Amino acid sequence: MRVVRLAGAPAVVRIRRRDEVTILLPAQIREDRLLTMAGLVLTCDELDELERTMTPAAMPKSP
């Protein structure tokens, strides 16, 4: 799992399969926990296009 910023807001990228990626948006992170389950499923090609506009953000620490 990777945390990125989309339009200034945190988002979590979860790669489930080689050809499918889920972006949880908006990613509400409190006390290092992800509170949202709503996701947007993208293909890897769509992710490659989207990544051109992403800015990496700090990963939350795992307990």
PDB file of N, CA and C in Angstrom:
ATOM      1  N   MET A   1       0.853  -1.174   0.000  1.00  0.00           N
ATOM      2  CA  MET A   1       0.000   0.000   0.000  1.00  0.00           C
ATOM      3  C   MET A   1       0.898   1.236   0.000  1.00  0.00           C
ATOM      4  N   ARG A   2       0.484   2.248  -0.723  1.00  0.00           N
ATOM      5  CA  ARG A   2       1.273   3.469  -0.822  1.00  0.00           C
ATOM      6  C   ARG A   2       0.349   4.666  -0.666  1.00  0.00           C
ATOM      7  N   VAL A   3       0.800   5.660   0.090  1.00  0.00           N
ATOM      8  CA  VAL A   3       0.029   6.892   0.249  1.00  0.00           C
ATOM      9  C   VAL A   3       0.583   7.931  -0.708  1.00  0.00           C
ATOM     10  N   VAL A   4      -0.297   8.558  -1.460  1.00  0.00           N
ATOM     11  CA  VAL A   4       0.088   9.616  -2.391  1.00  0.00           C
ATOM     12  C   VAL A   4      -0.831  10.806  -2.159  1.00  0.00           C
ATOM     13  N   ARG A   5      -0.543  11.911  -2.825  1.00  0.00           N
ATOM     14  CA  ARG A   5      -1.427  13.073  -2.748  1.00  0.00           C
ATOM     15  C   ARG A   5      -2.033  13.307  -4.119  1.00  0.00           C
ATOM     16  N   LEU A   6      -3.357  13.398  -4.140  1.00  0.00           N
ATOM     17  CA  LEU A   6      -4.084  13.736  -5.358  1.00  0.00           C
ATOM     18  C   LEU A   6      -4.770  15.068  -5.103  1.00  0.00           C
ATOM     19  N   ALA A   7      -4.437  16.059  -5.878  1.00  0.00           N
ATOM     20  CA  ALA A   7      -5.006  17.400  -5.715  1.00  0.00           C
ATOM     21  C   ALA A   7      -4.844  17.883  -4.280  1.00  0.00           C
ATOM     22  N   GLY A   8      -3.711  17.567  -3.662  1.00  0.00           N
ATOM     23  CA  GLY A   8      -3.413  18.044  -2.323  1.00  0.00           C
ATOM     24  C   GLY A   8      -3.997  17.220  -1.196  1.00  0.00           C
ATOM     25  N   ALA A   9      -4.825  16.223  -1.507  1.00  0.00           N
ATOM     26  CA  ALA A   9      -5.440  15.396  -0.464  1.00  0.00           C
ATOM     27  C   ALA A   9      -4.795  14.010  -0.460  1.00  0.00           C
ATOM     28  N   PRO A  10      -4.630  13.411   0.727  1.00  0.00           N
ATOM     29  CA  PRO A  10      -4.033  12.075   0.770  1.00  0.00           C
ATOM     30  C   PRO A  10      -4.911  11.044   0.086  1.00  0.00           C
ATOM     31  N   ALA A  11      -4.304  10.120  -0.590  1.00  0.00           N
ATOM     32  CA  ALA A  11      -5.007   8.991  -1.195  1.00  0.00           C
ATOM     33  C   ALA A  11      -4.132   7.757  -1.024  1.00  0.00           C
ATOM     34  N   VAL A  12      -4.754   6.615  -0.908  1.00  0.00           N
ATOM     35  CA  VAL A  12      -4.016   5.367  -0.720  1.00  0.00           C
ATOM     36  C   VAL A  12      -4.137   4.528  -1.975  1.00  0.00           C
ATOM     37  N   VAL A  13      -3.018   4.033  -2.454  1.00  0.00           N
ATOM     38  CA  VAL A  13      -2.994   3.167  -3.626  1.00  0.00           C
ATOM     39  C   VAL A  13      -2.729   1.742  -3.155  1.00  0.00           C
ATOM     40  N   ARG A  14      -3.603   0.827  -3.521  1.00  0.00           N
ATOM     41  CA  ARG A  14      -3.445  -0.586  -3.156  1.00  0.00           C
ATOM     42  C   ARG A  14      -3.442  -1.406  -4.435  1.00  0.00           C
ATOM     43  N   ILE A  15      -2.342  -2.111  -4.690  1.00  0.00           N
ATOM     44  CA  ILE A  15      -2.243  -2.941  -5.885  1.00  0.00           C
ATOM     45  C   ILE A  15      -2.651  -4.359  -5.504  1.00  0.00           C
ATOM     46  N   ARG A  16      -3.760  -4.819  -6.071  1.00  0.00           N
ATOM     47  CA  ARG A  16      -4.262  -6.154  -5.746  1.00  0.00           C
ATOM     48  C   ARG A  16      -3.774  -7.195  -6.733  1.00  0.00           C
ATOM     49  N   ARG A  17      -3.778  -6.834  -7.990  1.00  0.00           N
ATOM     50  CA  ARG A  17      -3.298  -7.727  -9.041  1.00  0.00           C
ATOM     51  C   ARG A  17      -2.436  -6.897  -9.966  1.00  0.00           C
ATOM     52  N   ARG A  18      -1.777  -7.579 -10.865  1.00  0.00           N
ATOM     53  CA  ARG A  18      -0.892  -6.858 -11.778  1.00  0.00           C
ATOM     54  C   ARG A  18      -1.666  -5.889 -12.663  1.00  0.00           C
ATOM     55  N   ASP A  19      -2.915  -6.212 -12.966  1.00  0.00           N
ATOM     56  CA  ASP A  19      -3.679  -5.392 -13.898  1.00  0.00           C
ATOM     57  C   ASP A  19      -4.782  -4.587 -13.226  1.00  0.00           C
ATOM     58  N   GLU A  20      -4.802  -4.549 -11.893  1.00  0.00           N
ATOM     59  CA  GLU A  20      -5.876  -3.823 -11.215  1.00  0.00           C
ATOM     60  C   GLU A  20      -5.335  -3.127  -9.980  1.00  0.00           C
ATOM     61  N   VAL A  21      -5.687  -1.872  -9.843  1.00  0.00           N
ATOM     62  CA  VAL A  21      -5.239  -1.057  -8.717  1.00  0.00           C
ATOM     63  C   VAL A  21      -6.459  -0.391  -8.110  1.00  0.00           C
ATOM     64  N   THR A  22      -6.513  -0.334  -6.795  1.00  0.00           N
ATOM     65  CA  THR A  22      -7.599   0.382  -6.124  1.00  0.00           C
ATOM     66  C   THR A  22      -7.022   1.630  -5.471  1.00  0.00           C
ATOM     67  N   ILE A  23      -7.644   2.770  -5.732  1.00  0.00           N
ATOM     68  CA  ILE A  23      -7.264   4.009  -5.058  1.00  0.00           C
ATOM     69  C   ILE A  23      -8.396   4.372  -4.116  1.00  0.00           C
ATOM     70  N   LEU A  24      -8.093   4.443  -2.826  1.00  0.00           N
ATOM     71  CA  LEU A  24      -9.080   4.821  -1.833  1.00  0.00           C
ATOM     72  C   LEU A  24      -9.056   6.342  -1.722  1.00  0.00           C
ATOM     73  N   LEU A  25     -10.186   6.965  -2.018  1.00  0.00           N
ATOM     74  CA  LEU A  25     -10.217   8.420  -2.144  1.00  0.00           C
ATOM     75  C   LEU A  25     -11.545   8.951  -1.649  1.00  0.00           C
ATOM     76  N   PRO A  26     -11.611   9.874  -0.721  1.00  0.00           N
ATOM     77  CA  PRO A  26     -10.442  10.421  -0.046  1.00  0.00           C
ATOM     78  C   PRO A  26      -9.958   9.467   1.036  1.00  0.00           C
ATOM     79  N   ALA A  27      -8.661   9.469   1.290  1.00  0.00           N
ATOM     80  CA  ALA A  27      -8.101   8.632   2.341  1.00  0.00           C
ATOM     81  C   ALA A  27      -8.047   9.455   3.618  1.00  0.00           C
ATOM     82  N   GLN A  28      -8.887   9.123   4.547  1.00  0.00           N
ATOM     83  CA  GLN A  28      -8.905   9.841   5.817  1.00  0.00           C
ATOM     84  C   GLN A  28      -8.054   9.058   6.800  1.00  0.00           C
ATOM     85  N   ILE A  29      -6.887   9.580   7.109  1.00  0.00           N
ATOM     86  CA  ILE A  29      -5.942   8.874   7.964  1.00  0.00           C
ATOM     87  C   ILE A  29      -5.882   9.585   9.311  1.00  0.00           C
ATOM     88  N   ARG A  30      -6.286   8.873  10.342  1.00  0.00           N
ATOM     89  CA  ARG A  30      -6.205   9.392  11.707  1.00  0.00           C
ATOM     90  C   ARG A  30      -5.524   8.337  12.549  1.00  0.00           C
ATOM     91  N   GLU A  31      -4.559   8.776  13.346  1.00  0.00           N
ATOM     92  CA  GLU A  31      -3.808   7.850  14.191  1.00  0.00           C
ATOM     93  C   GLU A  31      -3.296   6.680  13.364  1.00  0.00           C
ATOM     94  N   ASP A  32      -2.793   6.992  12.176  1.00  0.00           N
ATOM     95  CA  ASP A  32      -2.200   6.003  11.271  1.00  0.00           C
ATOM     96  C   ASP A  32      -3.172   4.918  10.836  1.00  0.00           C
ATOM     97  N   ARG A  33      -4.465   5.196  10.825  1.00  0.00           N
ATOM     98  CA  ARG A  33      -5.444   4.209  10.382  1.00  0.00           C
ATOM     99  C   ARG A  33      -6.262   4.784   9.234  1.00  0.00           C
ATOM    100  N   LEU A  34      -6.513   3.951   8.262  1.00  0.00           N
ATOM    101  CA  LEU A  34      -7.334   4.359   7.127  1.00  0.00           C
ATOM    102  C   LEU A  34      -8.798   4.177   7.491  1.00  0.00           C
ATOM    103  N   LEU A  35      -9.589   5.244   7.395  1.00  0.00           N
ATOM    104  CA  LEU A  35     -10.974   5.205   7.855  1.00  0.00           C
ATOM    105  C   LEU A  35     -11.982   5.022   6.737  1.00  0.00           C
ATOM    106  N   THR A  36     -11.551   5.151   5.503  1.00  0.00           N
ATOM    107  CA  THR A  36     -12.504   5.026   4.402  1.00  0.00           C
ATOM    108  C   THR A  36     -12.327   3.696   3.682  1.00  0.00           C
ATOM    109  N   MET A  37     -13.406   3.178   3.140  1.00  0.00           N
ATOM    110  CA  MET A  37     -13.339   1.959   2.354  1.00  0.00           C
ATOM    111  C   MET A  37     -13.809   2.203   0.922  1.00  0.00           C
ATOM    112  N   ALA A  38     -14.264   3.409   0.628  1.00  0.00           N
ATOM    113  CA  ALA A  38     -14.716   3.721  -0.731  1.00  0.00           C
ATOM    114  C   ALA A  38     -13.507   3.740  -1.655  1.00  0.00           C
ATOM    115  N   GLY A  39     -13.613   3.072  -2.777  1.00  0.00           N
ATOM    116  CA  GLY A  39     -12.457   2.987  -3.658  1.00  0.00           C
ATOM    117  C   GLY A  39     -12.788   3.195  -5.119  1.00  0.00           C
ATOM    118  N   LEU A  40     -11.757   3.491  -5.871  1.00  0.00           N
ATOM    119  CA  LEU A  40     -11.843   3.636  -7.317  1.00  0.00           C
ATOM    120  C   LEU A  40     -10.908   2.590  -7.919  1.00  0.00           C
ATOM    121  N   VAL A  41     -11.442   1.683  -8.713  1.00  0.00           N
ATOM    122  CA  VAL A  41     -10.624   0.615  -9.297  1.00  0.00           C
ATOM    123  C   VAL A  41     -10.133   1.055 -10.671  1.00  0.00           C
ATOM    124  N   LEU A  42      -8.831   0.961 -10.867  1.00  0.00           N
ATOM    125  CA  LEU A  42      -8.205   1.373 -12.117  1.00  0.00           C
ATOM    126  C   LEU A  42      -7.377   0.232 -12.685  1.00  0.00           C
ATOM    127  N   THR A  43      -7.188   0.252 -13.980  1.00  0.00           N
ATOM    128  CA  THR A  43      -6.210  -0.651 -14.591  1.00  0.00           C
ATOM    129  C   THR A  43      -4.825  -0.039 -14.415  1.00  0.00           C
ATOM    130  N   CYS A  44      -3.786  -0.848 -14.636  1.00  0.00           N
ATOM    131  CA  CYS A  44      -2.427  -0.331 -14.510  1.00  0.00           C
ATOM    132  C   CYS A  44      -2.147   0.783 -15.518  1.00  0.00           C
ATOM    133  N   ASP A  45      -2.720   0.683 -16.716  1.00  0.00           N
ATOM    134  CA  ASP A  45      -2.540   1.747 -17.702  1.00  0.00           C
ATOM    135  C   ASP A  45      -3.157   3.048 -17.209  1.00  0.00           C
ATOM    136  N   GLU A  46      -4.339   2.953 -16.602  1.00  0.00           N
ATOM    137  CA  GLU A  46      -4.975   4.149 -16.058  1.00  0.00           C
ATOM    138  C   GLU A  46      -4.163   4.710 -14.897  1.00  0.00           C
ATOM    139  N   LEU A  47      -3.592   3.822 -14.080  1.00  0.00           N
ATOM    140  CA  LEU A  47      -2.763   4.285 -12.971  1.00  0.00           C
ATOM    141  C   LEU A  47      -1.524   5.004 -13.482  1.00  0.00           C
ATOM    142  N   ASP A  48      -0.894   4.460 -14.527  1.00  0.00           N
ATOM    143  CA  ASP A  48       0.281   5.114 -15.098  1.00  0.00           C
ATOM    144  C   ASP A  48      -0.051   6.541 -15.523  1.00  0.00           C
ATOM    145  N   GLU A  49      -1.208   6.715 -16.131  1.00  0.00           N
ATOM    146  CA  GLU A  49      -1.646   8.051 -16.544  1.00  0.00           C
ATOM    147  C   GLU A  49      -1.885   8.936 -15.328  1.00  0.00           C
ATOM    148  N   LEU A  50      -2.524   8.381 -14.308  1.00  0.00           N
ATOM    149  CA  LEU A  50      -2.843   9.145 -13.104  1.00  0.00           C
ATOM    150  C   LEU A  50      -1.591   9.494 -12.313  1.00  0.00           C
ATOM    151  N   GLU A  51      -0.609   8.591 -12.287  1.00  0.00           N
ATOM    152  CA  GLU A  51       0.611   8.821 -11.511  1.00  0.00           C
ATOM    153  C   GLU A  51       1.383  10.041 -11.984  1.00  0.00           C
ATOM    154  N   ARG A  52       1.169  10.445 -13.213  1.00  0.00           N
ATOM    155  CA  ARG A  52       1.856  11.640 -13.706  1.00  0.00           C
ATOM    156  C   ARG A  52       1.443  12.887 -12.929  1.00  0.00           C
ATOM    157  N   THR A  53       0.278  12.831 -12.268  1.00  0.00           N
ATOM    158  CA  THR A  53      -0.184  13.986 -11.500  1.00  0.00           C
ATOM    159  C   THR A  53      -0.072  13.768  -9.999  1.00  0.00           C
ATOM    160  N   MET A  54       0.463  12.628  -9.571  1.00  0.00           N
ATOM    161  CA  MET A  54       0.558  12.319  -8.144  1.00  0.00           C
ATOM    162  C   MET A  54       1.849  12.856  -7.551  1.00  0.00           C
ATOM    163  N   THR A  55       1.772  13.239  -6.284  1.00  0.00           N
ATOM    164  CA  THR A  55       2.945  13.626  -5.519  1.00  0.00           C
ATOM    165  C   THR A  55       3.060  12.668  -4.343  1.00  0.00           C
ATOM    166  N   PRO A  56       4.199  12.015  -4.160  1.00  0.00           N
ATOM    167  CA  PRO A  56       4.325  11.097  -3.026  1.00  0.00           C
ATOM    168  C   PRO A  56       4.154  11.815  -1.692  1.00  0.00           C
ATOM    169  N   ALA A  57       3.531  11.132  -0.744  1.00  0.00           N
ATOM    170  CA  ALA A  57       3.360  11.645   0.616  1.00  0.00           C
ATOM    171  C   ALA A  57       3.909  10.604   1.581  1.00  0.00           C
ATOM    172  N   ALA A  58       4.034  10.984   2.821  1.00  0.00           N
ATOM    173  CA  ALA A  58       4.586  10.063   3.816  1.00  0.00           C
ATOM    174  C   ALA A  58       3.640   8.893   4.057  1.00  0.00           C
ATOM    175  N   MET A  59       4.210   7.723   4.193  1.00  0.00           N
ATOM    176  CA  MET A  59       3.417   6.540   4.525  1.00  0.00           C
ATOM    177  C   MET A  59       3.081   6.574   6.012  1.00  0.00           C
ATOM    178  N   PRO A  60       1.873   6.159   6.389  1.00  0.00           N
ATOM    179  CA  PRO A  60       1.574   6.054   7.818  1.00  0.00           C
ATOM    180  C   PRO A  60       2.382   4.916   8.425  1.00  0.00           C
ATOM    181  N   LYS A  61       2.750   5.088   9.692  1.00  0.00           N
ATOM    182  CA  LYS A  61       3.521   4.043  10.363  1.00  0.00           C
ATOM    183  C   LYS A  61       2.613   2.880  10.717  1.00  0.00           C
ATOM    184  N   SER A  62       3.109   1.677  10.510  1.00  0.00           N
ATOM    185  CA  SER A  62       2.338   0.491  10.872  1.00  0.00           C
ATOM    186  C   SER A  62       2.525   0.212  12.356  1.00  0.00           C
ATOM    187  N   PRO A  63       1.472  -0.247  13.019  1.00  0.00           N
ATOM    188  CA  PRO A  63       1.608  -0.537  14.462  1.00  0.00           C
ATOM    189  C   PRO A  63       2.521  -1.730  14.706  1.00  0.00           C
TER     190      PRO A  63
END
